[in-house]
Amino acid sequence: MAFPIYQVDAFADAIFQGNPAAVMVLNEPLRESIMQQLAMENNLSETAFVCRQGDDWQIRWFTPGQEVKLCGHATLASAHVLWNELNCSDDILRLHSRSGLLEVRRRGDLLELDFPAYRPEAQTLPAEILGILGHNPVETVVDDFMMAVLDSEQQVADFERDFSQCLAADHAVILTARSERPGVDFVSRVFCGPNSDLIEDPVTGSAHCLLAPYWGAKLDKTILQAEQISKRGGRLECELKGDRVRIRGRAKTYLRGFVEWTS
């Protein structure tokens, strides 16, 4: 059997930027074990599997080690493939996922994800995580992520440790700070714990489900410009709409090919 596969750099203005994801658009669902094997073989942070579901779509995301319930960059990459590689005629992509119904729209040259907004609540991080930080955070938050707000963008950029051996990091750890650069409201980096195959995620759309409501409240804004300052880097525009966050970015196709195997 041969299945088309695409590798897309998401939240990127050019290839070699943003976060790479593999996308496979299927005629019918695959067995979960096969999807996991394909994700392991692709060896990217996420592989998205997309399949028609009536007039809508179903989407599932797999890391090389497990299925995840929400992934922003692989959703953006999937929308890019459907519209720009496969000429999908849907004006709005409606994607059914483990996190409920997600929608993607086109806004000029940007793709817009409609994701749930997390409500940040201050909560102390485990001592082991605070020890690795090496800074006293301005504030800490725990939701689907553990988040530490630092004093400056420079502190976020200069952080050289990681949480890959930290057993207390049962969620990914976000480091964030307000930016003083024009055109950027806040910056972030996202580090994974010992249950992940990654040390640092290049650009994390789902983290902005927490980051955007937090910084929106702090800066009294509903539209925010964000930058994830990993080595690859990525730019995101976030708009708060009630209990939803609209996350916008660009994507670029890096690779087109076929996966072949005999089951």
C-alpha atoms as a PDB file:
ATOM      1  CA  MET A   1       0.000   0.000   0.000  1.00  0.00           C
ATOM      2  CA  ALA A   2       1.154   3.546  -0.743  1.00  0.00           C
ATOM      3  CA  PHE A   3      -0.057   6.615   1.143  1.00  0.00           C
ATOM      4  CA  PRO A   4       0.897  10.229   0.378  1.00  0.00           C
ATOM      5  CA  ILE A   5       2.789  12.005   3.124  1.00  0.00           C
ATOM      6  CA  TYR A   6       3.798  15.624   3.562  1.00  0.00           C
ATOM      7  CA  GLN A   7       6.240  17.282   5.918  1.00  0.00           C
ATOM      8  CA  VAL A   8       5.296  20.850   6.741  1.00  0.00           C
ATOM      9  CA  ASP A   9       7.026  23.567   8.772  1.00  0.00           C
ATOM     10  CA  ALA A  10       4.225  25.166  10.809  1.00  0.00           C
ATOM     11  CA  PHE A  11       4.192  28.670  12.308  1.00  0.00           C
ATOM     12  CA  ALA A  12       6.960  29.424   9.833  1.00  0.00           C
ATOM     13  CA  ASP A  13       7.517  32.122   7.230  1.00  0.00           C
ATOM     14  CA  ALA A  14      10.069  29.912   5.431  1.00  0.00           C
ATOM     15  CA  ILE A  15      11.318  26.338   5.558  1.00  0.00           C
ATOM     16  CA  PHE A  16      13.754  25.452   8.356  1.00  0.00           C
ATOM     17  CA  GLN A  17      11.700  27.643  10.687  1.00  0.00           C
ATOM     18  CA  GLY A  18       8.765  26.825  12.941  1.00  0.00           C
ATOM     19  CA  ASN A  19       7.831  23.299  13.984  1.00  0.00           C
ATOM     20  CA  PRO A  20       7.950  20.403  11.490  1.00  0.00           C
ATOM     21  CA  ALA A  21       5.039  17.961  11.363  1.00  0.00           C
ATOM     22  CA  ALA A  22       4.194  15.018   9.143  1.00  0.00           C
ATOM     23  CA  VAL A  23       0.681  14.908   7.682  1.00  0.00           C
ATOM     24  CA  MET A  24      -1.076  11.888   6.191  1.00  0.00           C
ATOM     25  CA  VAL A  25      -4.545  12.342   4.673  1.00  0.00           C
ATOM     26  CA  LEU A  26      -6.303   8.975   4.599  1.00  0.00           C
ATOM     27  CA  ASN A  27      -9.235   7.531   2.640  1.00  0.00           C
ATOM     28  CA  GLU A  28     -10.219   5.496   5.701  1.00  0.00           C
ATOM     29  CA  PRO A  29      -8.964   5.271   9.276  1.00  0.00           C
ATOM     30  CA  LEU A  30      -5.884   3.196  10.053  1.00  0.00           C
ATOM     31  CA  ARG A  31      -5.448   0.956  13.069  1.00  0.00           C
ATOM     32  CA  GLU A  32      -4.052   2.802  16.051  1.00  0.00           C
ATOM     33  CA  SER A  33      -1.030   0.493  16.170  1.00  0.00           C
ATOM     34  CA  ILE A  34      -0.177   1.334  12.545  1.00  0.00           C
ATOM     35  CA  MET A  35      -0.480   5.070  13.162  1.00  0.00           C
ATOM     36  CA  GLN A  36       1.854   4.734  16.125  1.00  0.00           C
ATOM     37  CA  GLN A  37       4.393   2.813  14.038  1.00  0.00           C
ATOM     38  CA  LEU A  38       4.238   5.449  11.301  1.00  0.00           C
ATOM     39  CA  ALA A  39       4.768   8.252  13.814  1.00  0.00           C
ATOM     40  CA  MET A  40       7.730   6.376  15.270  1.00  0.00           C
ATOM     41  CA  GLU A  41       9.215   5.919  11.792  1.00  0.00           C
ATOM     42  CA  ASN A  42       8.674   9.586  10.888  1.00  0.00           C
ATOM     43  CA  ASN A  43      10.460  10.543  14.130  1.00  0.00           C
ATOM     44  CA  LEU A  44       9.017  14.068  14.231  1.00  0.00           C
ATOM     45  CA  SER A  45       7.433  15.670  17.247  1.00  0.00           C
ATOM     46  CA  GLU A  46       4.001  14.918  15.759  1.00  0.00           C
ATOM     47  CA  THR A  47       2.421  13.079  12.869  1.00  0.00           C
ATOM     48  CA  ALA A  48      -1.169  14.065  12.055  1.00  0.00           C
ATOM     49  CA  PHE A  49      -3.619  11.599  10.513  1.00  0.00           C
ATOM     50  CA  VAL A  50      -6.616  13.198   8.816  1.00  0.00           C
ATOM     51  CA  CYS A  51      -9.637  11.379   7.402  1.00  0.00           C
ATOM     52  CA  ARG A  52     -13.054  12.447   6.091  1.00  0.00           C
ATOM     53  CA  GLN A  53     -15.903  12.098   8.585  1.00  0.00           C
ATOM     54  CA  GLY A  54     -19.123  12.938   6.757  1.00  0.00           C
ATOM     55  CA  ASP A  55     -18.872  16.594   5.718  1.00  0.00           C
ATOM     56  CA  ASP A  56     -16.148  17.155   8.335  1.00  0.00           C
ATOM     57  CA  TRP A  57     -12.772  15.610   9.145  1.00  0.00           C
ATOM     58  CA  GLN A  58     -11.293  13.516  11.914  1.00  0.00           C
ATOM     59  CA  ILE A  59      -7.782  14.340  13.117  1.00  0.00           C
ATOM     60  CA  ARG A  60      -5.478  12.410  15.425  1.00  0.00           C
ATOM     61  CA  TRP A  61      -1.932  13.281  16.474  1.00  0.00           C
ATOM     62  CA  PHE A  62       0.864  10.902  17.452  1.00  0.00           C
ATOM     63  CA  THR A  63       4.346  11.533  18.789  1.00  0.00           C
ATOM     64  CA  PRO A  64       6.906   8.756  18.242  1.00  0.00           C
ATOM     65  CA  GLY A  65       5.828   7.371  21.631  1.00  0.00           C
ATOM     66  CA  GLN A  66       2.131   8.080  22.157  1.00  0.00           C
ATOM     67  CA  GLU A  67      -1.082   9.693  20.984  1.00  0.00           C
ATOM     68  CA  VAL A  68      -1.730  13.239  22.250  1.00  0.00           C
ATOM     69  CA  LYS A  69      -5.067  14.981  22.795  1.00  0.00           C
ATOM     70  CA  LEU A  70      -4.231  18.357  21.223  1.00  0.00           C
ATOM     71  CA  CYS A  71      -1.521  19.622  18.876  1.00  0.00           C
ATOM     72  CA  GLY A  72      -1.569  23.072  17.332  1.00  0.00           C
ATOM     73  CA  HIS A  73       1.306  22.966  14.858  1.00  0.00           C
ATOM     74  CA  ALA A  74       0.278  19.623  13.312  1.00  0.00           C
ATOM     75  CA  THR A  75      -3.302  20.947  12.949  1.00  0.00           C
ATOM     76  CA  LEU A  76      -1.989  24.029  11.155  1.00  0.00           C
ATOM     77  CA  ALA A  77       0.172  21.757   8.980  1.00  0.00           C
ATOM     78  CA  SER A  78      -2.849  19.555   8.172  1.00  0.00           C
ATOM     79  CA  ALA A  79      -4.944  22.549   7.114  1.00  0.00           C
ATOM     80  CA  HIS A  80      -2.075  23.742   4.923  1.00  0.00           C
ATOM     81  CA  VAL A  81      -1.918  20.337   3.207  1.00  0.00           C
ATOM     82  CA  LEU A  82      -5.682  20.094   2.679  1.00  0.00           C
ATOM     83  CA  TRP A  83      -5.941  23.559   1.142  1.00  0.00           C
ATOM     84  CA  ASN A  84      -2.592  24.055  -0.590  1.00  0.00           C
ATOM     85  CA  GLU A  85      -1.569  20.537  -1.602  1.00  0.00           C
ATOM     86  CA  LEU A  86      -4.910  18.752  -2.101  1.00  0.00           C
ATOM     87  CA  ASN A  87      -7.067  21.731  -3.142  1.00  0.00           C
ATOM     88  CA  CYS A  88      -9.773  20.986  -0.586  1.00  0.00           C
ATOM     89  CA  SER A  89     -12.874  23.100  -1.327  1.00  0.00           C
ATOM     90  CA  ASP A  90     -14.056  23.469   2.295  1.00  0.00           C
ATOM     91  CA  ASP A  91     -14.241  27.135   3.296  1.00  0.00           C
ATOM     92  CA  ILE A  92     -13.896  26.124   6.962  1.00  0.00           C
ATOM     93  CA  LEU A  93     -12.192  22.917   8.056  1.00  0.00           C
ATOM     94  CA  ARG A  94     -14.098  21.252  10.885  1.00  0.00           C
ATOM     95  CA  LEU A  95     -11.847  18.735  12.638  1.00  0.00           C
ATOM     96  CA  HIS A  96     -13.135  16.288  15.230  1.00  0.00           C
ATOM     97  CA  SER A  97     -10.470  15.429  17.795  1.00  0.00           C
ATOM     98  CA  ARG A  98      -9.888  14.134  21.316  1.00  0.00           C
ATOM     99  CA  SER A  99     -10.196  17.782  22.423  1.00  0.00           C
ATOM    100  CA  GLY A 100     -13.554  18.260  20.740  1.00  0.00           C
ATOM    101  CA  LEU A 101     -14.425  20.079  17.530  1.00  0.00           C
ATOM    102  CA  LEU A 102     -11.678  22.320  16.135  1.00  0.00           C
ATOM    103  CA  GLU A 103     -12.069  24.716  13.223  1.00  0.00           C
ATOM    104  CA  VAL A 104      -9.517  26.223  10.866  1.00  0.00           C
ATOM    105  CA  ARG A 105     -10.125  29.267   8.649  1.00  0.00           C
ATOM    106  CA  ARG A 106      -8.059  31.254   6.170  1.00  0.00           C
ATOM    107  CA  ARG A 107      -7.306  34.866   7.111  1.00  0.00           C
ATOM    108  CA  GLY A 108      -5.422  36.328   4.159  1.00  0.00           C
ATOM    109  CA  ASP A 109      -2.129  34.442   4.032  1.00  0.00           C
ATOM    110  CA  LEU A 110      -2.566  33.219   7.615  1.00  0.00           C
ATOM    111  CA  LEU A 111      -4.279  30.054   8.794  1.00  0.00           C
ATOM    112  CA  GLU A 112      -6.418  30.457  11.914  1.00  0.00           C
ATOM    113  CA  LEU A 113      -6.957  27.704  14.478  1.00  0.00           C
ATOM    114  CA  ASP A 114      -9.992  27.901  16.762  1.00  0.00           C
ATOM    115  CA  PHE A 115      -8.868  26.225  19.999  1.00  0.00           C
ATOM    116  CA  PRO A 116     -10.164  26.100  23.585  1.00  0.00           C
ATOM    117  CA  ALA A 117      -8.884  28.759  25.992  1.00  0.00           C
ATOM    118  CA  TYR A 118      -7.407  27.525  29.265  1.00  0.00           C
ATOM    119  CA  ARG A 119      -8.057  29.657  32.314  1.00  0.00           C
ATOM    120  CA  PRO A 120      -4.762  30.282  34.118  1.00  0.00           C
ATOM    121  CA  GLU A 121      -4.823  29.891  37.896  1.00  0.00           C
ATOM    122  CA  ALA A 122      -1.809  30.641  40.063  1.00  0.00           C
ATOM    123  CA  GLN A 123      -0.371  27.494  41.614  1.00  0.00           C
ATOM    124  CA  THR A 124       3.054  26.677  43.026  1.00  0.00           C
ATOM    125  CA  LEU A 125       5.292  24.474  40.913  1.00  0.00           C
ATOM    126  CA  PRO A 126       7.069  21.478  42.449  1.00  0.00           C
ATOM    127  CA  ALA A 127      10.335  22.310  44.199  1.00  0.00           C
ATOM    128  CA  GLU A 128      12.313  20.159  41.758  1.00  0.00           C
ATOM    129  CA  ILE A 129      11.126  22.285  38.820  1.00  0.00           C
ATOM    130  CA  LEU A 130      11.817  25.556  40.649  1.00  0.00           C
ATOM    131  CA  GLY A 131      15.316  24.299  41.443  1.00  0.00           C
ATOM    132  CA  ILE A 132      16.045  23.618  37.769  1.00  0.00           C
ATOM    133  CA  LEU A 133      14.782  27.064  36.792  1.00  0.00           C
ATOM    134  CA  GLY A 134      17.472  28.866  38.757  1.00  0.00           C
ATOM    135  CA  HIS A 135      15.250  31.982  38.937  1.00  0.00           C
ATOM    136  CA  ASN A 136      12.471  33.072  41.234  1.00  0.00           C
ATOM    137  CA  PRO A 137       9.459  33.255  38.912  1.00  0.00           C
ATOM    138  CA  VAL A 138       7.208  36.289  38.953  1.00  0.00           C
ATOM    139  CA  GLU A 139       4.258  33.891  38.926  1.00  0.00           C
ATOM    140  CA  THR A 140       3.596  30.199  38.352  1.00  0.00           C
ATOM    141  CA  VAL A 141       0.547  28.544  36.803  1.00  0.00           C
ATOM    142  CA  VAL A 142      -0.544  24.930  36.401  1.00  0.00           C
ATOM    143  CA  ASP A 143      -3.148  23.794  33.884  1.00  0.00           C
ATOM    144  CA  ASP A 144      -2.519  21.415  30.972  1.00  0.00           C
ATOM    145  CA  PHE A 145       0.984  22.902  31.217  1.00  0.00           C
ATOM    146  CA  MET A 146       3.232  24.047  34.058  1.00  0.00           C
ATOM    147  CA  MET A 147       4.117  27.686  33.458  1.00  0.00           C
ATOM    148  CA  ALA A 148       6.740  29.930  34.997  1.00  0.00           C
ATOM    149  CA  VAL A 149       6.631  33.656  34.265  1.00  0.00           C
ATOM    150  CA  LEU A 150      10.137  35.138  34.343  1.00  0.00           C
ATOM    151  CA  ASP A 151      11.328  38.728  34.806  1.00  0.00           C
ATOM    152  CA  SER A 152      12.581  39.270  31.269  1.00  0.00           C
ATOM    153  CA  GLU A 153      12.745  37.933  27.748  1.00  0.00           C
ATOM    154  CA  GLN A 154      16.494  37.598  28.195  1.00  0.00           C
ATOM    155  CA  GLN A 155      16.033  35.143  31.074  1.00  0.00           C
ATOM    156  CA  VAL A 156      13.815  32.996  28.854  1.00  0.00           C
ATOM    157  CA  ALA A 157      16.294  33.144  25.977  1.00  0.00           C
ATOM    158  CA  ASP A 158      19.330  32.361  28.176  1.00  0.00           C
ATOM    159  CA  PHE A 159      17.845  29.298  29.900  1.00  0.00           C
ATOM    160  CA  GLU A 160      20.186  26.359  29.176  1.00  0.00           C
ATOM    161  CA  ARG A 161      18.827  23.530  31.330  1.00  0.00           C
ATOM    162  CA  ASP A 162      15.945  21.180  30.582  1.00  0.00           C
ATOM    163  CA  PHE A 163      13.364  19.006  32.322  1.00  0.00           C
ATOM    164  CA  SER A 164      13.958  15.733  30.477  1.00  0.00           C
ATOM    165  CA  GLN A 165      15.072  13.980  33.691  1.00  0.00           C
ATOM    166  CA  CYS A 166      12.686  15.801  36.023  1.00  0.00           C
ATOM    167  CA  LEU A 167      10.096  13.339  37.311  1.00  0.00           C
ATOM    168  CA  ALA A 168       7.988  16.216  38.652  1.00  0.00           C
ATOM    169  CA  ALA A 169       7.486  17.523  35.099  1.00  0.00           C
ATOM    170  CA  ASP A 170       4.425  15.429  34.347  1.00  0.00           C
ATOM    171  CA  HIS A 171       3.231  18.276  32.069  1.00  0.00           C
ATOM    172  CA  ALA A 172       5.349  20.276  29.641  1.00  0.00           C
ATOM    173  CA  VAL A 173       6.971  23.339  31.238  1.00  0.00           C
ATOM    174  CA  ILE A 174       6.461  26.783  29.688  1.00  0.00           C
ATOM    175  CA  LEU A 175       8.890  29.618  30.356  1.00  0.00           C
ATOM    176  CA  THR A 176       7.467  32.981  29.366  1.00  0.00           C
ATOM    177  CA  ALA A 177       8.020  36.710  29.761  1.00  0.00           C
ATOM    178  CA  ARG A 178       6.751  39.973  28.416  1.00  0.00           C
ATOM    179  CA  SER A 179       8.702  41.205  25.404  1.00  0.00           C
ATOM    180  CA  GLU A 180      10.025  44.742  25.160  1.00  0.00           C
ATOM    181  CA  ARG A 181      10.564  44.502  21.400  1.00  0.00           C
ATOM    182  CA  PRO A 182       8.125  46.372  19.151  1.00  0.00           C
ATOM    183  CA  GLY A 183       5.589  44.092  17.507  1.00  0.00           C
ATOM    184  CA  VAL A 184       5.968  41.275  20.050  1.00  0.00           C
ATOM    185  CA  ASP A 185       3.815  41.130  23.187  1.00  0.00           C
ATOM    186  CA  PHE A 186       5.309  38.050  24.853  1.00  0.00           C
ATOM    187  CA  VAL A 187       7.801  35.267  24.278  1.00  0.00           C
ATOM    188  CA  SER A 188       7.921  31.664  25.391  1.00  0.00           C
ATOM    189  CA  ARG A 189       9.821  28.403  25.292  1.00  0.00           C
ATOM    190  CA  VAL A 190       8.315  24.972  25.961  1.00  0.00           C
ATOM    191  CA  PHE A 191      10.281  22.121  27.537  1.00  0.00           C
ATOM    192  CA  CYS A 192       9.135  18.515  27.745  1.00  0.00           C
ATOM    193  CA  GLY A 193       9.454  16.138  30.682  1.00  0.00           C
ATOM    194  CA  PRO A 194      10.733  12.563  30.930  1.00  0.00           C
ATOM    195  CA  ASN A 195       7.602  11.074  29.333  1.00  0.00           C
ATOM    196  CA  SER A 196       8.309  12.781  26.019  1.00  0.00           C
ATOM    197  CA  ASP A 197      10.698  12.068  23.181  1.00  0.00           C
ATOM    198  CA  LEU A 198      11.511  15.789  22.928  1.00  0.00           C
ATOM    199  CA  ILE A 199      13.604  18.040  25.139  1.00  0.00           C
ATOM    200  CA  GLU A 200      12.300  21.359  23.774  1.00  0.00           C
ATOM    201  CA  ASP A 201       9.372  21.833  21.402  1.00  0.00           C
ATOM    202  CA  PRO A 202      10.207  24.371  18.655  1.00  0.00           C
ATOM    203  CA  VAL A 203       6.737  25.984  18.439  1.00  0.00           C
ATOM    204  CA  THR A 204       3.745  24.865  20.485  1.00  0.00           C
ATOM    205  CA  GLY A 205       0.328  26.031  19.333  1.00  0.00           C
ATOM    206  CA  SER A 206      -1.517  24.346  22.189  1.00  0.00           C
ATOM    207  CA  ALA A 207       0.633  26.160  24.789  1.00  0.00           C
ATOM    208  CA  HIS A 208      -0.890  29.394  23.556  1.00  0.00           C
ATOM    209  CA  CYS A 209      -4.283  28.175  24.775  1.00  0.00           C
ATOM    210  CA  LEU A 210      -2.826  29.070  28.183  1.00  0.00           C
ATOM    211  CA  LEU A 211      -0.344  31.799  27.220  1.00  0.00           C
ATOM    212  CA  ALA A 212      -2.821  33.972  25.322  1.00  0.00           C
ATOM    213  CA  PRO A 213      -5.431  34.199  28.136  1.00  0.00           C
ATOM    214  CA  TYR A 214      -2.664  34.840  30.684  1.00  0.00           C
ATOM    215  CA  TRP A 215      -0.980  37.652  28.756  1.00  0.00           C
ATOM    216  CA  GLY A 216      -4.281  38.994  27.453  1.00  0.00           C
ATOM    217  CA  ALA A 217      -5.334  39.651  31.047  1.00  0.00           C
ATOM    218  CA  LYS A 218      -1.948  41.080  32.050  1.00  0.00           C
ATOM    219  CA  LEU A 219      -1.644  43.382  29.036  1.00  0.00           C
ATOM    220  CA  ASP A 220      -5.360  44.146  28.666  1.00  0.00           C
ATOM    221  CA  LYS A 221      -5.364  43.000  25.036  1.00  0.00           C
ATOM    222  CA  THR A 222      -7.525  40.638  23.013  1.00  0.00           C
ATOM    223  CA  ILE A 223      -5.093  40.370  20.074  1.00  0.00           C
ATOM    224  CA  LEU A 224      -1.506  39.483  20.925  1.00  0.00           C
ATOM    225  CA  GLN A 225       1.658  38.929  18.919  1.00  0.00           C
ATOM    226  CA  ALA A 226       3.690  36.008  20.252  1.00  0.00           C
ATOM    227  CA  GLU A 227       7.088  34.559  19.501  1.00  0.00           C
ATOM    228  CA  GLN A 228       8.392  31.192  20.624  1.00  0.00           C
ATOM    229  CA  ILE A 229      12.133  31.720  20.857  1.00  0.00           C
ATOM    230  CA  SER A 230      13.456  28.201  20.350  1.00  0.00           C
ATOM    231  CA  LYS A 231      16.378  27.639  17.967  1.00  0.00           C
ATOM    232  CA  ARG A 232      13.998  27.318  15.007  1.00  0.00           C
ATOM    233  CA  GLY A 233      11.667  30.039  16.274  1.00  0.00           C
ATOM    234  CA  GLY A 234       8.079  30.728  15.331  1.00  0.00           C
ATOM    235  CA  ARG A 235       5.577  33.584  15.193  1.00  0.00           C
ATOM    236  CA  LEU A 236       1.928  33.369  16.235  1.00  0.00           C
ATOM    237  CA  GLU A 237      -0.933  35.833  16.407  1.00  0.00           C
ATOM    238  CA  CYS A 238      -3.508  35.069  19.105  1.00  0.00           C
ATOM    239  CA  GLU A 239      -6.995  36.491  19.466  1.00  0.00           C
ATOM    240  CA  LEU A 240      -9.179  35.884  22.520  1.00  0.00           C
ATOM    241  CA  LYS A 241     -12.837  35.141  21.819  1.00  0.00           C
ATOM    242  CA  GLY A 242     -14.665  34.205  25.017  1.00  0.00           C
ATOM    243  CA  ASP A 243     -13.712  30.634  25.910  1.00  0.00           C
ATOM    244  CA  ARG A 244     -11.768  30.192  22.650  1.00  0.00           C
ATOM    245  CA  VAL A 245      -8.370  31.274  21.353  1.00  0.00           C
ATOM    246  CA  ARG A 246      -7.819  31.918  17.680  1.00  0.00           C
ATOM    247  CA  ILE A 247      -4.208  31.140  16.843  1.00  0.00           C
ATOM    248  CA  ARG A 248      -2.864  32.289  13.480  1.00  0.00           C
ATOM    249  CA  GLY A 249       0.289  31.444  11.597  1.00  0.00           C
ATOM    250  CA  ARG A 250       1.831  30.457   8.290  1.00  0.00           C
ATOM    251  CA  ALA A 251       3.086  27.103   7.041  1.00  0.00           C
ATOM    252  CA  LYS A 252       5.491  25.920   4.342  1.00  0.00           C
ATOM    253  CA  THR A 253       5.688  22.514   2.668  1.00  0.00           C
ATOM    254  CA  TYR A 254       9.136  20.971   3.024  1.00  0.00           C
ATOM    255  CA  LEU A 255       8.594  17.468   1.612  1.00  0.00           C
ATOM    256  CA  ARG A 256       6.112  15.542  -0.553  1.00  0.00           C
ATOM    257  CA  GLY A 257       6.295  11.766  -0.894  1.00  0.00           C
ATOM    258  CA  PHE A 258       4.728   8.371  -0.341  1.00  0.00           C
ATOM    259  CA  VAL A 259       4.842   5.861   2.466  1.00  0.00           C
ATOM    260  CA  GLU A 260       4.759   2.239   1.311  1.00  0.00           C
ATOM    261  CA  TRP A 261       4.402  -0.885   3.365  1.00  0.00           C
ATOM    262  CA  THR A 262       2.879  -4.360   3.220  1.00  0.00           C
ATOM    263  CA  SER A 263       0.545  -5.088   6.112  1.00  0.00           C
END
